[in-house]
Protein backbone atom coordinates (compact mmCIF):
# COMPACT_ATOMS: atom_id res chain seq x y z
CA GLN A 1 13.91 19.59 1.80
CA VAL A 2 11.95 16.85 0.16
CA GLN A 3 9.67 17.09 -2.83
CA LEU A 4 8.27 14.01 -5.36
CA VAL A 5 6.29 15.48 -8.06
CA GLU A 6 3.87 13.37 -9.98
CA SER A 7 3.25 14.18 -13.75
CA GLY A 8 2.65 12.71 -16.46
CA GLY A 9 -1.78 12.16 -15.54
CA ALA A 10 -4.27 12.87 -18.99
CA PRO A 11 -7.47 11.98 -20.08
CA VAL A 12 -7.48 8.60 -22.18
CA GLN A 13 -9.94 6.00 -23.76
CA PRO A 14 -9.24 2.12 -22.54
CA GLY A 15 -7.65 0.29 -23.78
CA GLY A 16 -4.69 3.23 -23.85
CA SER A 17 -1.26 3.54 -22.05
CA LEU A 18 -0.17 6.38 -19.89
CA LYS A 19 3.20 6.97 -18.39
CA LEU A 20 3.10 8.52 -14.95
CA SER A 21 7.08 10.07 -13.33
CA CYS A 22 7.38 11.03 -10.12
CA THR A 23 10.81 13.66 -9.92
CA ALA A 24 12.38 13.31 -6.34
CA SER A 25 14.40 16.04 -5.15
CA GLY A 26 16.14 16.49 -1.76
CA ILE A 27 16.16 12.46 -1.27
CA THR A 28 17.69 10.25 -4.01
CA VAL A 29 15.31 6.96 -4.39
CA SER A 30 17.25 4.46 -6.06
CA MET A 31 17.83 3.63 -1.78
CA TYR A 32 13.53 4.32 -0.60
CA THR A 33 11.00 2.73 -1.40
CA VAL A 34 8.94 4.57 -3.72
CA GLY A 35 4.58 3.24 -3.90
CA TRP A 36 2.67 4.44 -6.04
CA TYR A 37 -0.97 5.65 -4.30
CA ARG A 38 -4.69 6.32 -6.11
CA GLN A 39 -7.83 7.87 -4.66
CA ALA A 40 -10.54 7.45 -6.81
CA PRO A 41 -14.09 9.55 -6.47
CA GLY A 42 -14.99 9.08 -2.90
CA LYS A 43 -12.77 6.50 -2.07
CA GLN A 44 -9.58 5.07 -0.01
CA ARG A 45 -6.20 5.70 -1.22
CA GLU A 46 -5.19 2.42 -2.33
CA LEU A 47 -1.79 1.08 -3.35
CA VAL A 48 -0.58 0.37 -6.42
CA GLY A 49 2.37 -1.34 -6.31
CA ALA A 50 5.42 -0.45 -5.66
CA VAL A 51 9.52 -0.41 -6.13
CA MET A 52 12.08 -1.88 -3.54
CA ASN A 53 15.85 -2.17 -3.02
CA GLY A 54 17.30 -4.08 -6.51
CA ASN A 55 14.76 -2.84 -8.00
CA VAL A 56 12.11 -5.73 -6.82
CA THR A 57 8.84 -4.25 -7.66
CA ASN A 58 4.98 -5.11 -6.70
CA TYR A 59 1.21 -4.83 -7.65
CA VAL A 60 -1.70 -5.02 -6.36
CA ASP A 61 -4.08 -7.31 -8.25
CA SER A 62 -5.61 -5.44 -10.16
CA VAL A 63 -3.16 -3.51 -12.22
CA LYS A 64 -0.61 -7.04 -12.37
CA ASP A 65 0.19 -7.25 -16.79
CA ARG A 66 -1.26 -4.29 -17.36
CA PHE A 67 1.13 -1.22 -15.08
CA THR A 68 5.51 -1.78 -14.61
CA ILE A 69 6.99 0.62 -12.13
CA SER A 70 10.53 1.53 -13.19
CA ARG A 71 14.03 4.07 -11.60
CA ASP A 72 15.98 5.76 -13.91
CA ASN A 73 18.83 6.87 -10.85
CA ALA A 74 20.03 9.53 -13.65
CA LYS A 75 16.89 11.15 -13.85
CA ASN A 76 16.14 10.86 -9.73
CA THR A 77 12.84 9.28 -10.49
CA VAL A 78 10.33 6.37 -10.67
CA TYR A 79 8.39 5.21 -13.46
CA LEU A 80 3.98 3.31 -12.94
CA GLN A 81 3.55 2.62 -17.13
CA MET A 82 0.24 1.64 -17.09
CA ASN A 83 -0.61 -0.28 -20.24
CA ASN A 84 -4.96 -1.57 -21.05
CA LEU A 85 -6.61 1.49 -19.78
CA LYS A 86 -9.83 0.21 -18.02
CA PRO A 87 -12.19 3.16 -16.62
CA GLU A 88 -12.72 1.37 -13.11
CA ASP A 89 -8.24 2.65 -12.78
CA THR A 90 -8.89 6.14 -12.53
CA ALA A 91 -8.57 8.67 -10.26
CA VAL A 92 -5.80 11.17 -8.75
CA TYR A 93 -2.53 9.20 -8.84
CA TYR A 94 0.12 9.42 -5.55
CA CYS A 95 3.40 8.80 -5.32
CA ASN A 96 5.90 8.83 -1.41
CA ALA A 97 8.96 7.83 -0.81
CA LYS A 98 9.10 5.40 1.67
CA ASP A 99 12.16 5.68 4.40
CA ARG A 100 13.01 1.10 6.10
CA LYS A 101 14.05 3.27 9.20
CA ALA A 102 12.18 6.96 9.08
CA GLY A 103 9.12 5.79 7.64
CA ILE A 104 7.20 8.09 4.86
CA VAL A 105 9.14 11.35 3.96
CA ALA A 106 7.95 13.02 1.74
CA TRP A 107 4.16 12.56 -0.78
CA GLY A 108 4.16 13.48 -4.00
CA ARG A 109 0.58 15.87 -4.69
CA GLY A 110 -0.89 14.48 -7.45
CA THR A 111 -1.40 13.63 -10.84
CA GLN A 112 -4.90 13.11 -13.14
CA VAL A 113 -6.19 9.94 -15.09
CA THR A 114 -9.40 10.41 -16.77
CA VAL A 115 -10.23 6.62 -18.51
CA SER A 116 -13.45 7.79 -20.31
CA SER A 117 -14.78 6.81 -23.92
């Protein structure tokens, strides 16, 4: 059974940092595109960024130069390092795993990030 579990969400002040984790079981994350998404209250879920084959990453413009996605294959985990957090980054953050042929194979249940003074 494929399972993704996010962790690391917390309350943080503006300008602070958090590192989210997305730990997989049932799949090897290095063989999938892993995306980070977020959903703020009253808004649609949006893509934050993703890591693809060869550790190529991309990000939505609003988080470029502040967020970094990385993979630790030994831990079967993908990370989202978030720096210089802003109140508008407040959301539930989710990860998913996507196979080139099969499409999305799993979503995590999310972790809450709240940026507030």
